[in-house]
Protein backbone atom coordinates (compact mmCIF):
# COMPACT_ATOMS: atom_id res chain seq x y z
CA UNK A 1 -0.08 0.00 -0.08
CA UNK A 2 0.91 3.29 -0.77
CA UNK A 3 0.76 6.41 2.57
CA UNK A 4 -1.44 7.99 1.25
CA UNK A 5 -3.62 4.50 0.43
CA UNK A 6 -2.33 3.54 4.45
CA UNK A 7 -3.83 6.61 6.37
CA UNK A 8 -6.76 6.81 4.44
CA UNK A 9 -7.54 2.57 5.17
CA UNK A 10 -7.46 3.76 9.42
CA UNK A 11 -9.30 6.79 8.87
CA UNK A 12 -12.23 4.96 7.94
CA UNK A 13 -11.44 3.17 10.00
CA UNK A 14 -9.33 -0.24 8.69
CA UNK A 15 -6.31 -1.78 9.17
CA UNK A 16 -4.27 -1.10 6.43
CA UNK A 17 -0.94 -3.14 6.36
CA UNK A 18 0.42 -2.57 8.79
CA UNK A 19 0.31 1.20 11.08
CA UNK A 20 1.19 4.12 9.06
CA UNK A 21 3.14 6.86 10.29
CA UNK A 22 2.04 10.90 10.41
CA UNK A 23 3.72 13.55 12.16
CA UNK A 24 3.79 17.10 12.81
CA UNK A 25 6.59 18.88 13.47
CA UNK A 26 7.89 22.57 14.81
CA UNK A 27 9.21 24.64 12.48
CA UNK A 28 12.44 25.06 14.65
CA UNK A 29 12.58 21.17 14.42
CA UNK A 30 12.29 21.12 10.70
CA UNK A 31 15.40 24.38 10.43
CA UNK A 32 17.51 22.81 12.85
CA UNK A 33 17.19 19.21 11.42
CA UNK A 34 17.93 20.54 8.30
CA UNK A 35 21.29 22.21 9.04
CA UNK A 36 18.94 25.39 8.93
CA UNK A 37 19.48 28.68 11.44
CA UNK A 38 15.73 28.95 13.06
CA UNK A 39 16.00 33.17 12.26
CA UNK A 40 15.90 31.74 8.80
CA UNK A 41 11.76 31.36 8.88
CA UNK A 42 11.24 34.90 9.55
CA UNK A 43 13.01 36.28 6.45
CA UNK A 44 12.38 33.57 3.98
CA UNK A 45 10.88 34.36 0.84
CA UNK A 46 7.62 31.15 -0.14
CA UNK A 47 10.28 29.80 -2.32
CA UNK A 48 12.74 29.28 0.42
CA UNK A 49 9.88 28.42 2.68
CA UNK A 50 8.89 25.35 0.59
CA UNK A 51 12.78 23.83 -0.52
CA UNK A 52 13.35 23.84 4.20
CA UNK A 53 9.67 22.12 3.90
CA UNK A 54 10.64 19.15 1.64
CA UNK A 55 14.31 19.53 3.12
CA UNK A 56 12.75 18.24 6.54
CA UNK A 57 10.11 15.52 4.28
CA UNK A 58 13.01 14.11 2.73
CA UNK A 59 15.00 14.69 6.00
CA UNK A 60 12.48 11.28 7.18
CA UNK A 61 11.24 9.88 3.48
CA UNK A 62 9.43 6.29 5.48
CA UNK A 63 6.61 8.63 6.49
CA UNK A 64 3.17 7.88 5.29
CA UNK A 65 2.43 11.66 5.59
CA UNK A 66 3.11 14.73 6.98
CA UNK A 67 1.96 17.92 8.50
CA UNK A 68 2.90 20.46 6.40
CA UNK A 69 3.43 24.45 7.44
CA UNK A 70 1.79 27.08 5.36
CA UNK A 71 4.36 29.61 2.91
CA UNK A 72 4.79 33.37 2.66
CA UNK A 73 4.27 36.82 0.98
CA UNK A 74 7.11 36.94 -1.56
CA UNK A 75 6.74 40.89 -2.08
CA UNK A 76 7.33 41.26 2.03
CA UNK A 77 9.93 38.66 2.15
CA UNK A 78 11.92 41.10 -0.73
CA UNK A 79 12.11 44.18 1.43
CA UNK A 80 13.24 42.43 4.24
CA UNK A 81 16.86 43.40 5.04
CA UNK A 82 18.35 41.44 7.54
CA UNK A 83 22.30 42.79 9.61
CA UNK A 84 23.73 39.32 11.46
CA UNK A 85 25.44 40.18 14.43
CA UNK A 86 26.72 37.83 17.02
CA UNK A 87 23.30 37.49 19.10
CA UNK A 88 20.79 39.10 16.97
CA UNK A 89 19.88 40.02 13.50
CA UNK A 90 18.05 43.14 12.65
CA UNK A 91 15.72 43.54 10.79
CA UNK A 92 15.20 46.38 8.26
CA UNK A 93 11.79 46.43 6.22
CA UNK A 94 13.16 48.93 3.85
CA UNK A 95 9.47 50.18 2.77
CA UNK A 96 8.91 51.65 6.35
CA UNK A 97 11.80 52.32 7.71
CA UNK A 98 10.55 49.99 10.49
CA UNK A 99 12.91 47.68 13.10
CA UNK A 100 13.25 44.69 15.19
CA UNK A 101 15.66 41.63 15.99
CA UNK A 102 15.77 38.67 16.30
CA UNK A 103 16.88 36.60 18.82
CA UNK A 104 19.01 33.38 18.74
CA UNK A 105 15.63 31.64 19.39
CA UNK A 106 13.77 33.48 16.56
CA UNK A 107 11.99 35.31 19.47
CA UNK A 108 11.43 39.20 18.90
CA UNK A 109 13.94 41.23 19.95
CA UNK A 110 14.51 45.55 20.16
CA UNK A 111 16.55 46.33 17.21
CA UNK A 112 19.24 46.95 19.87
CA UNK A 113 19.20 42.97 20.27
CA UNK A 114 18.28 44.41 24.18
CA UNK A 115 15.06 41.17 25.19
CA UNK A 116 11.12 42.84 24.95
CA UNK A 117 9.62 43.83 27.80
CA UNK A 118 7.20 42.06 29.87
CA UNK A 119 3.60 42.72 28.56
CA UNK A 120 1.34 44.28 30.98
CA UNK A 121 1.68 42.42 34.62
CA UNK A 122 -1.97 43.60 35.82
CA UNK A 123 -4.25 40.73 35.57
CA UNK A 124 -7.61 41.66 34.71
CA UNK A 125 -6.43 44.81 31.13
CA UNK A 126 -9.61 45.70 28.25
CA UNK A 127 -10.43 43.05 26.53
CA UNK A 128 -9.43 44.59 22.83
CA UNK A 129 -13.31 43.91 21.40
CA UNK A 130 -15.67 46.08 22.43
CA UNK A 131 -18.51 46.07 19.56
CA UNK A 132 -18.78 44.82 16.72
CA UNK A 133 -16.61 47.39 14.79
CA UNK A 134 -13.69 45.62 16.75
CA UNK A 135 -14.39 42.30 15.32
CA UNK A 136 -14.43 43.78 11.36
CA UNK A 137 -10.92 45.42 12.00
CA UNK A 138 -9.03 42.65 14.31
CA UNK A 139 -10.20 39.27 11.97
CA UNK A 140 -11.21 41.05 9.01
CA UNK A 141 -13.40 39.79 6.48
CA UNK A 142 -13.19 35.62 5.05
CA UNK A 143 -10.18 35.88 2.00
CA UNK A 144 -10.85 35.41 -1.80
CA UNK A 145 -9.23 32.23 -2.87
CA UNK A 146 -7.21 34.85 -5.08
CA UNK A 147 -5.74 36.90 -2.00
CA UNK A 148 -4.82 33.51 0.02
CA UNK A 149 -2.99 32.59 -3.88
CA UNK A 150 -1.30 35.65 -3.35
CA UNK A 151 -0.46 35.27 -0.08
CA UNK A 152 1.48 32.07 -0.36
CA UNK A 153 -0.10 30.50 2.26
CA UNK A 154 -0.42 27.06 0.31
CA UNK A 155 2.27 27.10 -1.92
CA UNK A 156 4.66 23.97 0.34
CA UNK A 157 1.36 21.97 0.20
CA UNK A 158 1.07 22.69 -3.86
CA UNK A 159 4.79 21.52 -4.22
CA UNK A 160 4.50 18.54 -2.08
CA UNK A 161 1.25 16.83 -2.88
CA UNK A 162 2.30 17.02 -6.69
CA UNK A 163 5.55 15.70 -6.42
CA UNK A 164 5.08 12.81 -3.84
CA UNK A 165 0.98 12.50 -4.98
CA UNK A 166 1.46 8.92 -2.95
CA UNK A 167 1.15 10.88 0.41
CA UNK A 168 -0.97 12.29 2.20
CA UNK A 169 -0.64 15.70 3.53
CA UNK A 170 -2.32 17.55 5.48
CA UNK A 171 -3.01 21.97 6.67
CA UNK A 172 -3.89 23.69 9.26
CA UNK A 173 -7.21 24.50 10.58
CA UNK A 174 -8.39 25.26 13.61
CA UNK A 175 -11.11 26.47 16.84
CA UNK A 176 -11.95 29.62 16.36
CA UNK A 177 -11.50 30.04 20.03
CA UNK A 178 -8.04 30.67 19.35
CA UNK A 179 -8.12 33.42 16.76
CA UNK A 180 -10.93 34.52 18.87
CA UNK A 181 -8.86 34.72 22.31
CA UNK A 182 -5.81 36.64 19.87
CA UNK A 183 -7.99 39.15 18.91
CA UNK A 184 -9.48 40.04 22.64
CA UNK A 185 -5.71 40.97 23.56
CA UNK A 186 -4.80 37.56 24.80
CA UNK A 187 -5.79 35.12 27.37
CA UNK A 188 -7.40 36.56 29.82
CA UNK A 189 -9.39 39.37 27.90
CA UNK A 190 -11.12 36.65 26.13
CA UNK A 191 -12.13 34.58 28.75
CA UNK A 192 -13.35 38.08 30.25
CA UNK A 193 -14.95 39.11 27.19
CA UNK A 194 -16.37 36.03 26.63
CA UNK A 195 -18.38 35.82 30.24
CA UNK A 196 -18.97 39.06 30.20
CA UNK A 197 -20.34 39.68 26.75
CA UNK A 198 -20.82 36.63 25.47
CA UNK A 199 -22.95 37.59 22.62
CA UNK A 200 -20.62 40.24 21.54
CA UNK A 201 -17.79 36.99 22.41
CA UNK A 202 -20.73 34.56 19.64
CA UNK A 203 -19.74 37.32 16.61
CA UNK A 204 -16.58 37.36 17.35
CA UNK A 205 -16.11 33.62 17.01
CA UNK A 206 -18.75 33.19 13.91
CA UNK A 207 -16.08 35.98 12.37
CA UNK A 208 -13.37 33.24 13.07
CA UNK A 209 -14.87 30.56 11.99
CA UNK A 210 -15.71 32.04 8.65
CA UNK A 211 -12.72 32.90 8.44
CA UNK A 212 -11.51 29.36 8.50
CA UNK A 213 -13.98 27.84 6.88
CA UNK A 214 -12.71 29.99 3.89
CA UNK A 215 -8.98 28.30 4.04
CA UNK A 216 -11.00 24.22 3.77
CA UNK A 217 -11.82 25.01 -0.51
CA UNK A 218 -7.93 26.64 -1.51
CA UNK A 219 -6.65 24.14 0.46
CA UNK A 220 -8.46 20.64 -1.07
CA UNK A 221 -7.46 22.18 -4.14
CA UNK A 222 -3.76 23.12 -3.74
CA UNK A 223 -3.74 18.56 -2.83
CA UNK A 224 -4.72 18.42 0.97
CA UNK A 225 -6.00 15.19 1.81
CA UNK A 226 -6.36 16.22 4.49
CA UNK A 227 -7.43 19.30 7.45
CA UNK A 228 -5.63 19.51 10.54
CA UNK A 229 -8.39 21.09 12.91
CA UNK A 230 -6.37 22.48 16.18
CA UNK A 231 -8.11 22.93 19.46
CA UNK A 232 -6.47 24.95 22.12
CA UNK A 233 -7.82 26.63 25.39
CA UNK A 234 -11.08 24.25 24.61
CA UNK A 235 -10.07 21.65 27.20
CA UNK A 236 -11.65 22.10 30.61
CA UNK A 237 -7.99 22.77 32.00
CA UNK A 238 -9.37 26.22 30.06
CA UNK A 239 -12.80 26.08 29.88
CA UNK A 240 -16.19 24.08 31.58
CA UNK A 241 -17.52 21.48 29.83
CA UNK A 242 -20.54 23.23 29.61
CA UNK A 243 -18.53 26.25 28.21
CA UNK A 244 -17.56 23.86 25.46
CA UNK A 245 -21.00 22.53 24.85
CA UNK A 246 -22.54 25.47 23.92
CA UNK A 247 -20.38 28.20 23.44
CA UNK A 248 -17.28 26.75 21.17
CA UNK A 249 -18.91 23.44 19.51
CA UNK A 250 -21.36 24.93 17.07
CA UNK A 251 -18.70 26.87 15.07
CA UNK A 252 -16.22 24.35 15.84
CA UNK A 253 -19.44 22.05 14.44
CA UNK A 254 -19.42 24.58 11.65
CA UNK A 255 -15.84 23.95 10.49
CA UNK A 256 -15.02 20.58 10.62
CA UNK A 257 -18.67 19.64 8.30
CA UNK A 258 -17.63 22.14 6.13
CA UNK A 259 -14.12 20.48 6.01
CA UNK A 260 -16.09 17.50 4.97
CA UNK A 261 -18.11 19.29 2.41
CA UNK A 262 -14.96 19.70 0.60
CA UNK A 263 -13.88 16.11 1.04
CA UNK A 264 -11.20 16.64 3.53
CA UNK A 265 -10.68 14.01 5.56
CA UNK A 266 -10.88 15.84 9.41
CA UNK A 267 -7.42 15.03 11.68
CA UNK A 268 -8.54 17.05 14.92
CA UNK A 269 -5.11 17.69 17.18
CA UNK A 270 -6.89 18.92 20.20
CA UNK A 271 -4.43 20.38 23.05
CA UNK A 272 -5.93 20.29 26.01
CA UNK A 273 -8.08 18.25 29.16
CA UNK A 274 -9.81 15.98 26.27
CA UNK A 275 -11.48 13.15 28.96
CA UNK A 276 -14.74 15.74 30.83
CA UNK A 277 -15.49 16.81 26.61
CA UNK A 278 -14.74 13.90 24.69
CA UNK A 279 -18.41 12.43 24.28
CA UNK A 280 -19.15 15.54 23.41
CA UNK A 281 -16.03 15.91 21.00
CA UNK A 282 -16.44 12.77 19.84
CA UNK A 283 -20.53 14.60 17.75
CA UNK A 284 -17.84 16.79 15.53
CA UNK A 285 -18.07 15.66 11.88
CA UNK A 286 -14.13 14.62 12.47
CA UNK A 287 -11.59 11.34 11.39
CA UNK A 288 -9.49 10.56 14.02
CA UNK A 289 -8.67 12.44 17.16
CA UNK A 290 -4.65 13.80 16.98
CA UNK A 291 -3.47 12.91 21.02
CA UNK A 292 -0.82 15.16 22.68
CA UNK A 293 0.88 14.07 26.05
CA UNK A 294 -0.72 15.65 29.07
CA UNK A 295 1.26 18.85 29.92
CA UNK A 296 -0.73 20.74 33.12
CA UNK A 297 -1.63 17.76 35.22
CA UNK A 298 -4.28 15.99 33.99
CA UNK A 299 -3.40 12.46 31.48
CA UNK A 300 -3.94 11.79 27.67
CA UNK A 301 -3.78 7.97 27.18
CA UNK A 302 -4.69 7.10 23.94
CA UNK A 303 -5.30 3.13 25.20
CA UNK A 304 -8.06 4.86 27.24
CA UNK A 305 -9.26 7.08 25.15
CA UNK A 306 -9.76 4.07 22.59
CA UNK A 307 -11.87 2.28 25.41
CA UNK A 308 -14.07 5.32 25.40
CA UNK A 309 -14.76 5.44 21.60
CA UNK A 310 -14.57 1.66 20.30
CA UNK A 311 -12.07 -0.07 17.61
CA UNK A 312 -13.50 1.67 14.40
CA UNK A 313 -12.17 5.48 15.64
CA UNK A 314 -9.12 6.28 14.52
CA UNK A 315 -6.25 7.70 16.58
CA UNK A 316 -2.93 9.27 16.75
CA UNK A 317 -1.04 7.91 19.05
CA UNK A 318 2.50 9.55 20.27
CA UNK A 319 5.77 8.93 22.23
CA UNK A 320 6.61 11.55 24.36
CA UNK A 321 8.86 14.41 23.74
CA UNK A 322 11.75 14.15 26.67
CA UNK A 323 12.39 10.95 25.12
CA UNK A 324 12.81 12.45 21.39
CA UNK A 325 15.35 14.53 22.21
CA UNK A 326 17.25 12.48 24.62
CA UNK A 327 16.81 9.56 22.50
CA UNK A 328 15.06 7.04 25.07
CA UNK A 329 14.75 4.29 22.93
CA UNK A 330 13.72 2.19 25.76
CA UNK A 331 11.26 4.32 26.17
CA UNK A 332 9.75 5.30 22.51
CA UNK A 333 9.81 1.88 21.85
CA UNK A 334 8.07 1.38 24.96
CA UNK A 335 5.46 3.75 24.71
CA UNK A 336 4.42 3.04 21.18
CA UNK A 337 4.27 -0.68 22.43
CA UNK A 338 1.95 0.14 25.21
CA UNK A 339 -0.63 2.18 22.62
CA UNK A 340 -0.70 0.08 19.32
CA UNK A 341 -1.43 -2.93 21.80
CA UNK A 342 -3.75 -1.24 23.95
CA UNK A 343 -5.09 1.23 21.47
CA UNK A 344 -3.58 -0.75 17.51
CA UNK A 345 -4.54 -3.98 17.64
CA UNK A 346 -7.54 -3.99 15.20
CA UNK A 347 -6.66 -1.13 13.35
CA UNK A 348 -7.98 2.73 12.74
CA UNK A 349 -4.16 3.71 14.64
CA UNK A 350 -1.79 5.47 13.31
CA UNK A 351 1.64 6.51 14.73
CA UNK A 352 1.60 9.97 15.40
CA UNK A 353 4.45 12.22 17.26
CA UNK A 354 3.54 15.01 19.68
CA UNK A 355 4.51 18.05 17.26
CA UNK A 356 8.31 17.55 17.11
CA UNK A 357 10.30 20.28 19.03
CA UNK A 358 13.13 21.54 17.77
CA UNK A 359 15.42 20.04 20.29
CA UNK A 360 14.93 16.66 19.22
CA UNK A 361 17.09 14.09 17.89
CA UNK A 362 16.51 12.99 14.44
CA UNK A 363 17.93 9.97 14.86
CA UNK A 364 15.80 9.38 17.31
CA UNK A 365 13.36 10.04 15.46
CA UNK A 366 13.84 7.96 12.72
CA UNK A 367 14.28 5.42 15.36
CA UNK A 368 10.60 5.99 16.15
CA UNK A 369 9.35 5.64 13.30
CA UNK A 370 11.40 2.72 12.50
CA UNK A 371 10.05 1.09 15.22
CA UNK A 372 6.61 1.63 14.30
CA UNK A 373 6.66 0.08 10.27
CA UNK A 374 8.27 -3.41 12.81
CA UNK A 375 5.81 -2.99 15.07
CA UNK A 376 2.98 -1.85 13.17
CA UNK A 377 2.47 -4.81 10.76
CA UNK A 378 -1.00 -6.74 10.71
CA UNK A 379 -0.85 -10.26 10.34
CA UNK A 380 -2.57 -11.22 7.33
CA UNK A 381 -2.90 -7.67 5.54
CA UNK A 382 -1.33 -7.51 2.33
CA UNK A 383 -0.03 -4.28 1.28
């Protein structure tokens, strides 16, 4: 079986010849693992970004698919002048004269290399969204296909899907909750607005939903097989299950349903405390849960989730971040084996990864993929 076929079989609840492999890489890992300075991404043209993404794909060529980061706008990149200093880069936009800096880890700094001052510090700050006019100003209107194409977002996806047609490629959309919080000015401001001005917040979610839906048809046209629908700040570690069901779920549903209408699989990347809202999340029109290790005191266990969702719904497992960073062979193999035995015996399972951190060792990533191929072969299934 080809990678595209293998992943499609798992997403449909079936059993391919072996468990497919579908990773996601942090952009820092994409750059560092291929020998690039992480600051290159911020100033790269769309063509350069596409080349870097392809290099990272070819670094681990025996995967069945990949999450593809977006490209960029060449016009903006051409106007950026770079001065390289030992500890930082200074960037100048020659159209406006605006200057800023990039530290060695890729984070922003002042034009002289000094760390940026901490923002605020107050427990409560006023939201940037206080009326519908603010929503129009901060969120904007759904982009047209022409605008999306001019922005270069799907250029890397289009190149890889054309060059490697036997693989499964995915692009990111997400819950409007993330974009609504950003529009409000941050986490605290957004949650405060959600509780104090629920009608206004729903209008904000509506606008963010429309923007996300506008990406789906162009993404499919660029060659995507799926959308990597990202849920963040929607778990029980952030909001109550009731708030999720009443406030956020209807908009998540709309995006996932539109993705299905466009012929895309929906891979739901859930970042948060899932178990208290799992039953409601399972009502979404989606094809898989992409799982990540728990990070704030809650546990995410594909084996336990398999017991809750049954054998025919696809789950994407993971290895633990630190095991990739320290090349812990026993940890990577042991957890993968446990997840396959407890959640992948009957198919409908994908060997996924956490979003691979910048300091992960490429040799450890290769090892995990090789173990997935070794441990994940289904007996009696002919590829």
